[in-house]
Amino acid sequence: QVQLVESGGGLAQAGGSLRLSCAASIRTFSMYNMGWFRQAPGKERAFVAYITWSGSSTYYADSVKGRFTISRDNAKNTVYLQMNSLKPEDTAVYYCAAVIRTKAGVLHTSTIYDYWGQGTQVTVSS
């Protein structure tokens, strides 16, 4: 059974930084593409970033491009989201998600992902 556990959320001031981690209980973690999504109160879940199984390709939402960095350590079964220059509009619950690399589809859409974490709250104060 696949489990994803996010950590690293919390309260930050505008302009500050946080680093989220997502630990995966997947024996073949290196076979999975990983994504980060977020959901603000009253809004739909939105794409933030994804990274392919080998780490060779990443993609970001325009709203976070240049401020957030997604990375992974396959030896540790962990994917990270480094968030810099935080803004109040980054306040949301952040979720990591996993999909096996052989599944066809668009990685910036939530519907392709098969496994989700429980989420971690990020709050940015102005």
N, C-alpha and C. Protein backbone atom coordinates (compact mmCIF):
# COMPACT_ATOMS: atom_id res chain seq x y z
N GLN A 1 0.84 -1.19 0.00
CA GLN A 1 0.00 0.00 0.00
C GLN A 1 0.88 1.25 0.00
N VAL A 2 0.56 2.17 -0.87
CA VAL A 2 1.35 3.38 -1.00
C VAL A 2 0.86 4.43 -0.01
N GLN A 3 1.79 5.00 0.72
CA GLN A 3 1.47 6.10 1.63
C GLN A 3 2.40 7.27 1.36
N LEU A 4 1.84 8.46 1.36
CA LEU A 4 2.61 9.68 1.19
C LEU A 4 2.37 10.55 2.41
N VAL A 5 3.44 11.02 3.02
CA VAL A 5 3.32 11.83 4.23
C VAL A 5 4.08 13.13 4.05
N GLU A 6 3.34 14.24 4.02
CA GLU A 6 3.95 15.56 3.88
C GLU A 6 4.36 16.11 5.25
N SER A 7 5.37 16.94 5.24
CA SER A 7 5.80 17.64 6.45
C SER A 7 6.49 18.93 6.05
N GLY A 8 6.71 19.79 7.04
CA GLY A 8 7.43 21.02 6.78
C GLY A 8 6.58 22.26 6.65
N GLY A 9 5.29 22.08 6.69
CA GLY A 9 4.41 23.24 6.62
C GLY A 9 4.46 24.05 7.91
N GLY A 10 3.83 25.21 7.87
CA GLY A 10 3.81 26.07 9.05
C GLY A 10 3.51 27.49 8.69
N LEU A 11 3.90 28.37 9.59
CA LEU A 11 3.65 29.80 9.41
C LEU A 11 4.93 30.49 8.97
N ALA A 12 4.84 31.31 7.95
CA ALA A 12 5.98 32.08 7.47
C ALA A 12 5.52 33.50 7.17
N GLN A 13 6.47 34.41 7.21
CA GLN A 13 6.17 35.79 6.82
C GLN A 13 6.37 35.96 5.33
N ALA A 14 5.70 36.91 4.78
CA ALA A 14 5.89 37.22 3.36
C ALA A 14 7.36 37.49 3.10
N GLY A 15 7.86 36.90 2.03
CA GLY A 15 9.26 37.01 1.70
C GLY A 15 10.12 35.92 2.28
N GLY A 16 9.54 35.13 3.17
CA GLY A 16 10.27 34.06 3.81
C GLY A 16 10.29 32.78 3.00
N SER A 17 10.79 31.73 3.63
CA SER A 17 10.95 30.44 2.95
C SER A 17 10.46 29.30 3.83
N LEU A 18 10.02 28.26 3.17
CA LEU A 18 9.69 26.99 3.81
C LEU A 18 10.12 25.87 2.86
N ARG A 19 10.42 24.73 3.45
CA ARG A 19 10.75 23.55 2.65
C ARG A 19 9.82 22.42 3.04
N LEU A 20 9.02 21.98 2.10
CA LEU A 20 8.13 20.86 2.33
C LEU A 20 8.81 19.56 1.90
N SER A 21 8.50 18.51 2.64
CA SER A 21 8.98 17.18 2.29
C SER A 21 7.79 16.24 2.15
N CYS A 22 7.95 15.25 1.32
CA CYS A 22 6.94 14.22 1.15
C CYS A 22 7.65 12.88 1.15
N ALA A 23 7.45 12.12 2.20
CA ALA A 23 8.06 10.81 2.32
C ALA A 23 7.11 9.75 1.79
N ALA A 24 7.62 8.92 0.92
CA ALA A 24 6.78 7.92 0.26
C ALA A 24 7.15 6.52 0.70
N SER A 25 6.13 5.76 1.04
CA SER A 25 6.35 4.35 1.38
C SER A 25 6.10 3.52 0.13
N ILE A 26 6.96 3.73 -0.85
CA ILE A 26 6.86 3.03 -2.14
C ILE A 26 8.18 2.30 -2.36
N ARG A 27 8.10 0.99 -2.54
CA ARG A 27 9.34 0.22 -2.71
C ARG A 27 10.09 0.63 -3.97
N THR A 28 9.32 0.97 -5.01
CA THR A 28 9.93 1.35 -6.28
C THR A 28 9.70 2.83 -6.55
N PHE A 29 10.08 3.66 -5.60
CA PHE A 29 9.83 5.09 -5.67
C PHE A 29 10.35 5.70 -6.97
N SER A 30 11.47 5.21 -7.44
CA SER A 30 12.09 5.77 -8.65
C SER A 30 11.27 5.51 -9.90
N MET A 31 10.20 4.74 -9.79
CA MET A 31 9.34 4.50 -10.93
C MET A 31 8.14 5.45 -10.98
N TYR A 32 8.09 6.39 -10.03
CA TYR A 32 6.93 7.25 -9.92
C TYR A 32 7.26 8.71 -10.24
N ASN A 33 6.38 9.31 -11.02
CA ASN A 33 6.39 10.75 -11.18
C ASN A 33 5.67 11.36 -9.98
N MET A 34 6.16 12.51 -9.52
CA MET A 34 5.63 13.12 -8.30
C MET A 34 5.17 14.56 -8.56
N GLY A 35 4.10 14.93 -7.91
CA GLY A 35 3.59 16.28 -8.07
C GLY A 35 3.25 16.92 -6.73
N TRP A 36 3.23 18.25 -6.73
CA TRP A 36 2.74 19.03 -5.60
C TRP A 36 1.53 19.84 -6.07
N PHE A 37 0.50 19.84 -5.26
CA PHE A 37 -0.69 20.63 -5.50
C PHE A 37 -1.02 21.40 -4.24
N ARG A 38 -1.89 22.38 -4.35
CA ARG A 38 -2.31 23.13 -3.18
C ARG A 38 -3.78 23.51 -3.29
N GLN A 39 -4.38 23.69 -2.14
CA GLN A 39 -5.79 24.06 -2.10
C GLN A 39 -5.99 25.14 -1.04
N ALA A 40 -6.37 26.30 -1.51
CA ALA A 40 -6.67 27.42 -0.62
C ALA A 40 -8.14 27.35 -0.21
N PRO A 41 -8.50 27.97 0.91
CA PRO A 41 -9.90 27.94 1.36
C PRO A 41 -10.85 28.47 0.29
N GLY A 42 -11.87 27.69 0.01
CA GLY A 42 -12.88 28.10 -0.95
C GLY A 42 -12.47 27.98 -2.40
N LYS A 43 -11.30 27.39 -2.63
CA LYS A 43 -10.83 27.24 -4.01
C LYS A 43 -10.59 25.77 -4.33
N GLU A 44 -10.50 25.50 -5.62
CA GLU A 44 -10.21 24.14 -6.06
C GLU A 44 -8.72 23.84 -5.90
N ARG A 45 -8.42 22.55 -5.85
CA ARG A 45 -7.03 22.13 -5.77
C ARG A 45 -6.31 22.55 -7.04
N ALA A 46 -5.13 23.12 -6.89
CA ALA A 46 -4.39 23.66 -8.03
C ALA A 46 -2.99 23.07 -8.12
N PHE A 47 -2.55 22.91 -9.33
CA PHE A 47 -1.21 22.38 -9.60
C PHE A 47 -0.14 23.38 -9.15
N VAL A 48 0.94 22.86 -8.58
CA VAL A 48 2.08 23.69 -8.19
C VAL A 48 3.32 23.31 -8.99
N ALA A 49 3.69 22.01 -8.94
CA ALA A 49 4.90 21.58 -9.63
C ALA A 49 4.90 20.07 -9.77
N TYR A 50 5.65 19.58 -10.76
CA TYR A 50 5.88 18.14 -10.82
C TYR A 50 7.33 17.86 -11.18
N ILE A 51 7.74 16.64 -10.88
CA ILE A 51 9.08 16.17 -11.22
C ILE A 51 8.95 14.75 -11.72
N THR A 52 9.63 14.44 -12.79
CA THR A 52 9.55 13.10 -13.35
C THR A 52 10.35 12.11 -12.52
N TRP A 53 10.18 10.83 -12.84
CA TRP A 53 10.71 9.76 -12.00
C TRP A 53 12.22 9.84 -11.80
N SER A 54 12.94 10.29 -12.81
CA SER A 54 14.40 10.36 -12.70
C SER A 54 14.88 11.69 -12.18
N GLY A 55 13.97 12.66 -12.10
CA GLY A 55 14.36 14.00 -11.72
C GLY A 55 14.86 14.84 -12.87
N SER A 56 14.82 14.30 -14.07
CA SER A 56 15.39 15.00 -15.22
C SER A 56 14.50 16.10 -15.75
N SER A 57 13.22 16.07 -15.38
CA SER A 57 12.29 17.07 -15.90
C SER A 57 11.41 17.59 -14.78
N THR A 58 11.25 18.90 -14.76
CA THR A 58 10.36 19.55 -13.80
C THR A 58 9.49 20.56 -14.53
N TYR A 59 8.39 20.91 -13.89
CA TYR A 59 7.46 21.86 -14.49
C TYR A 59 6.73 22.58 -13.37
N TYR A 60 6.48 23.88 -13.57
CA TYR A 60 5.90 24.69 -12.51
C TYR A 60 4.70 25.48 -13.00
N ALA A 61 3.80 25.73 -12.08
CA ALA A 61 2.73 26.68 -12.37
C ALA A 61 3.34 28.07 -12.50
N ASP A 62 2.74 28.88 -13.34
CA ASP A 62 3.27 30.22 -13.55
C ASP A 62 3.34 31.01 -12.25
N SER A 63 2.41 30.76 -11.36
CA SER A 63 2.32 31.54 -10.12
C SER A 63 3.49 31.28 -9.17
N VAL A 64 4.21 30.18 -9.36
CA VAL A 64 5.32 29.85 -8.46
C VAL A 64 6.66 29.79 -9.18
N LYS A 65 6.64 29.91 -10.47
CA LYS A 65 7.87 29.79 -11.25
C LYS A 65 8.89 30.84 -10.81
N GLY A 66 10.12 30.39 -10.59
CA GLY A 66 11.17 31.29 -10.15
C GLY A 66 11.25 31.45 -8.65
N ARG A 67 10.23 30.96 -7.93
CA ARG A 67 10.22 31.07 -6.45
C ARG A 67 10.27 29.69 -5.79
N PHE A 68 9.65 28.71 -6.40
CA PHE A 68 9.60 27.35 -5.85
C PHE A 68 10.49 26.43 -6.65
N THR A 69 11.04 25.42 -5.97
CA THR A 69 11.87 24.42 -6.62
C THR A 69 11.47 23.04 -6.13
N ILE A 70 11.15 22.17 -7.05
CA ILE A 70 10.84 20.78 -6.71
C ILE A 70 12.07 19.93 -6.96
N SER A 71 12.32 18.98 -6.07
CA SER A 71 13.45 18.07 -6.22
C SER A 71 13.09 16.74 -5.58
N ARG A 72 13.92 15.75 -5.81
CA ARG A 72 13.66 14.45 -5.22
C ARG A 72 14.97 13.75 -4.89
N ASP A 73 14.88 12.86 -3.92
CA ASP A 73 16.01 12.01 -3.55
C ASP A 73 15.47 10.58 -3.58
N ASN A 74 15.76 9.88 -4.65
CA ASN A 74 15.21 8.52 -4.79
C ASN A 74 15.79 7.55 -3.78
N ALA A 75 16.96 7.83 -3.28
CA ALA A 75 17.55 6.96 -2.25
C ALA A 75 16.81 7.09 -0.93
N LYS A 76 16.15 8.25 -0.73
CA LYS A 76 15.41 8.49 0.51
C LYS A 76 13.91 8.41 0.33
N ASN A 77 13.48 8.07 -0.88
CA ASN A 77 12.03 7.99 -1.17
C ASN A 77 11.31 9.29 -0.79
N THR A 78 11.92 10.41 -1.13
CA THR A 78 11.38 11.69 -0.69
C THR A 78 11.41 12.71 -1.83
N VAL A 79 10.36 13.49 -1.90
CA VAL A 79 10.30 14.61 -2.83
C VAL A 79 10.17 15.89 -1.99
N TYR A 80 10.77 16.95 -2.47
CA TYR A 80 10.81 18.21 -1.74
C TYR A 80 10.20 19.34 -2.55
N LEU A 81 9.76 20.35 -1.82
CA LEU A 81 9.32 21.60 -2.45
C LEU A 81 9.93 22.74 -1.65
N GLN A 82 10.95 23.36 -2.23
CA GLN A 82 11.56 24.53 -1.60
C GLN A 82 10.78 25.76 -2.04
N MET A 83 10.26 26.48 -1.08
CA MET A 83 9.43 27.64 -1.38
C MET A 83 10.10 28.91 -0.85
N ASN A 84 10.50 29.77 -1.75
CA ASN A 84 11.15 31.02 -1.39
C ASN A 84 10.27 32.20 -1.79
N SER A 85 10.60 33.36 -1.26
CA SER A 85 9.85 34.59 -1.57
C SER A 85 8.35 34.36 -1.44
N LEU A 86 7.98 33.80 -0.33
CA LEU A 86 6.58 33.44 -0.12
C LEU A 86 5.69 34.67 -0.09
N LYS A 87 4.47 34.49 -0.58
CA LYS A 87 3.47 35.54 -0.63
C LYS A 87 2.22 35.09 0.13
N PRO A 88 1.43 36.01 0.62
CA PRO A 88 0.19 35.60 1.31
C PRO A 88 -0.69 34.72 0.45
N GLU A 89 -0.68 34.93 -0.85
CA GLU A 89 -1.50 34.11 -1.74
C GLU A 89 -0.99 32.68 -1.89
N ASP A 90 0.16 32.37 -1.30
CA ASP A 90 0.64 30.99 -1.28
C ASP A 90 0.02 30.20 -0.14
N THR A 91 -0.74 30.87 0.72
CA THR A 91 -1.41 30.20 1.83
C THR A 91 -2.37 29.14 1.30
N ALA A 92 -2.18 27.91 1.75
CA ALA A 92 -2.99 26.79 1.28
C ALA A 92 -2.56 25.52 2.02
N VAL A 93 -3.35 24.48 1.82
CA VAL A 93 -2.91 23.14 2.20
C VAL A 93 -2.17 22.57 0.99
N TYR A 94 -0.98 22.08 1.21
CA TYR A 94 -0.15 21.54 0.15
C TYR A 94 -0.17 20.01 0.20
N TYR A 95 -0.37 19.42 -0.97
CA TYR A 95 -0.47 17.96 -1.10
C TYR A 95 0.59 17.45 -2.07
N CYS A 96 1.20 16.33 -1.73
CA CYS A 96 2.01 15.66 -2.73
C CYS A 96 1.21 14.49 -3.30
N ALA A 97 1.57 14.11 -4.50
CA ALA A 97 0.86 13.07 -5.22
C ALA A 97 1.83 12.25 -6.04
N ALA A 98 1.44 10.99 -6.30
CA ALA A 98 2.32 10.07 -7.03
C ALA A 98 1.54 9.35 -8.12
N VAL A 99 2.22 9.11 -9.23
CA VAL A 99 1.67 8.31 -10.32
C VAL A 99 2.81 7.54 -10.95
N ILE A 100 2.55 6.28 -11.27
CA ILE A 100 3.61 5.46 -11.86
C ILE A 100 3.97 6.03 -13.23
N ARG A 101 5.23 5.96 -13.58
CA ARG A 101 5.74 6.66 -14.76
C ARG A 101 5.17 6.13 -16.06
N THR A 102 4.65 4.89 -16.05
CA THR A 102 4.13 4.31 -17.29
C THR A 102 2.70 4.73 -17.61
N LYS A 103 2.08 5.45 -16.71
CA LYS A 103 0.70 5.87 -16.95
C LYS A 103 0.70 7.12 -17.82
N ALA A 104 -0.04 7.05 -18.91
CA ALA A 104 -0.10 8.17 -19.83
C ALA A 104 -0.99 9.27 -19.29
N GLY A 105 -0.61 10.50 -19.58
CA GLY A 105 -1.44 11.61 -19.14
C GLY A 105 -0.61 12.85 -18.91
N VAL A 106 -1.30 13.89 -18.48
CA VAL A 106 -0.67 15.19 -18.28
C VAL A 106 -0.39 15.37 -16.80
N LEU A 107 0.88 15.58 -16.49
CA LEU A 107 1.29 15.57 -15.08
C LEU A 107 0.89 16.81 -14.31
N HIS A 108 0.41 17.86 -15.00
CA HIS A 108 -0.02 19.02 -14.23
C HIS A 108 -1.52 19.02 -13.98
N THR A 109 -2.16 17.87 -14.23
CA THR A 109 -3.57 17.74 -13.89
C THR A 109 -3.71 16.75 -12.73
N SER A 110 -4.56 17.06 -11.78
CA SER A 110 -4.67 16.23 -10.59
C SER A 110 -5.25 14.85 -10.88
N THR A 111 -6.02 14.75 -11.93
CA THR A 111 -6.74 13.50 -12.18
C THR A 111 -5.83 12.33 -12.54
N ILE A 112 -4.62 12.60 -12.99
CA ILE A 112 -3.74 11.49 -13.38
C ILE A 112 -3.13 10.80 -12.17
N TYR A 113 -3.08 11.47 -11.03
CA TYR A 113 -2.38 10.92 -9.89
C TYR A 113 -3.23 9.89 -9.16
N ASP A 114 -2.56 8.83 -8.72
CA ASP A 114 -3.26 7.73 -8.06
C ASP A 114 -3.16 7.77 -6.54
N TYR A 115 -2.13 8.44 -6.04
CA TYR A 115 -1.90 8.43 -4.60
C TYR A 115 -1.69 9.86 -4.11
N TRP A 116 -2.25 10.15 -2.94
CA TRP A 116 -2.19 11.49 -2.37
C TRP A 116 -1.82 11.42 -0.90
N GLY A 117 -1.10 12.44 -0.45
CA GLY A 117 -0.85 12.58 0.96
C GLY A 117 -2.02 13.28 1.65
N GLN A 118 -1.87 13.45 2.94
CA GLN A 118 -2.95 14.06 3.73
C GLN A 118 -2.90 15.58 3.72
N GLY A 119 -1.78 16.12 3.27
CA GLY A 119 -1.65 17.57 3.16
C GLY A 119 -0.95 18.19 4.36
N THR A 120 -0.32 19.33 4.12
CA THR A 120 0.32 20.10 5.18
C THR A 120 -0.02 21.57 4.97
N GLN A 121 -0.37 22.24 6.05
CA GLN A 121 -0.82 23.62 5.97
C GLN A 121 0.36 24.58 5.87
N VAL A 122 0.27 25.49 4.92
CA VAL A 122 1.23 26.58 4.80
C VAL A 122 0.46 27.89 4.92
N THR A 123 0.87 28.72 5.85
CA THR A 123 0.24 30.01 6.06
C THR A 123 1.29 31.10 5.96
N VAL A 124 1.05 32.07 5.09
CA VAL A 124 1.99 33.16 4.89
C VAL A 124 1.32 34.45 5.33
N SER A 125 1.94 35.10 6.28
CA SER A 125 1.38 36.35 6.79
C SER A 125 2.04 37.54 6.10
N SER A 126 1.26 38.61 5.96
CA SER A 126 1.77 39.80 5.27
C SER A 126 2.47 40.74 6.23
